[in-house]
Amino acid sequence: MKRRQLLKHLEIHGCEFLREGRNHTVYYNPAKGKTSTVPRHLEIDDVLAKKICKD
């Protein structure tokens, strides 16, 4: 999955940008109260993308 697609999916489903790290972007889900990190790779493995979406 492309990184841009994943970020767009997270924002559509209510996640908010929290901060930008050196190698990762951190998103916060206010509904569940959880944070998740998204690596800065062009391609993100589907298993990792599913885990991020689950969080």
Protein backbone atom coordinates (compact mmCIF):
# COMPACT_ATOMS: atom_id res chain seq x y z
CA MET A 1 0.00 0.00 0.00
CA LYS A 2 1.25 3.48 -0.76
CA ARG A 3 1.95 5.70 2.25
CA ARG A 4 -0.28 8.52 0.96
CA GLN A 5 -3.23 6.12 0.61
CA LEU A 6 -2.80 4.93 4.19
CA LEU A 7 -2.59 8.48 5.59
CA LYS A 8 -5.70 9.49 3.65
CA HIS A 9 -7.54 6.39 4.95
CA LEU A 10 -6.58 7.21 8.55
CA GLU A 11 -7.78 10.81 8.25
CA ILE A 12 -11.08 9.76 6.68
CA HIS A 13 -11.70 7.42 9.61
CA GLY A 14 -11.18 10.09 12.27
CA CYS A 15 -7.47 9.87 13.08
CA GLU A 16 -5.64 13.12 13.69
CA PHE A 17 -2.07 14.06 12.91
CA LEU A 18 -0.19 14.28 16.20
CA ARG A 19 3.47 14.89 15.36
CA GLU A 20 6.22 14.25 12.87
CA GLY A 21 9.19 12.21 14.05
CA ARG A 22 12.50 11.60 12.32
CA ASN A 23 11.50 8.33 10.65
CA HIS A 24 7.80 8.07 11.48
CA THR A 25 4.59 10.08 11.48
CA VAL A 26 2.40 9.72 14.56
CA TYR A 27 -1.39 9.69 14.32
CA TYR A 28 -3.87 9.75 17.21
CA ASN A 29 -7.30 8.12 17.24
CA PRO A 30 -9.45 10.14 19.69
CA ALA A 31 -12.31 7.61 19.59
CA LYS A 32 -10.10 4.82 20.96
CA GLY A 33 -7.49 6.95 22.67
CA LYS A 34 -4.62 5.19 20.87
CA THR A 35 -1.65 6.39 18.90
CA SER A 36 -0.06 4.69 15.92
CA THR A 37 3.15 5.35 14.04
CA VAL A 38 3.37 5.29 10.26
CA PRO A 39 6.84 4.73 8.79
CA ARG A 40 8.13 7.06 6.10
CA HIS A 41 8.54 4.45 3.38
CA LEU A 42 6.96 4.87 -0.05
CA GLU A 43 5.48 1.37 0.19
CA ILE A 44 4.05 0.00 3.44
CA ASP A 45 3.58 -3.75 3.82
CA ASP A 46 -0.08 -4.81 3.82
CA VAL A 47 0.25 -6.62 7.17
CA LEU A 48 1.64 -3.48 8.79
CA ALA A 49 -1.04 -1.31 7.17
CA LYS A 50 -3.77 -3.57 8.60
CA LYS A 51 -2.17 -3.35 12.07
CA ILE A 52 -2.02 0.44 11.87
CA CYS A 53 -5.67 0.60 10.79
CA LYS A 54 -6.65 -1.73 13.62
CA ASP A 55 -5.04 0.61 16.17
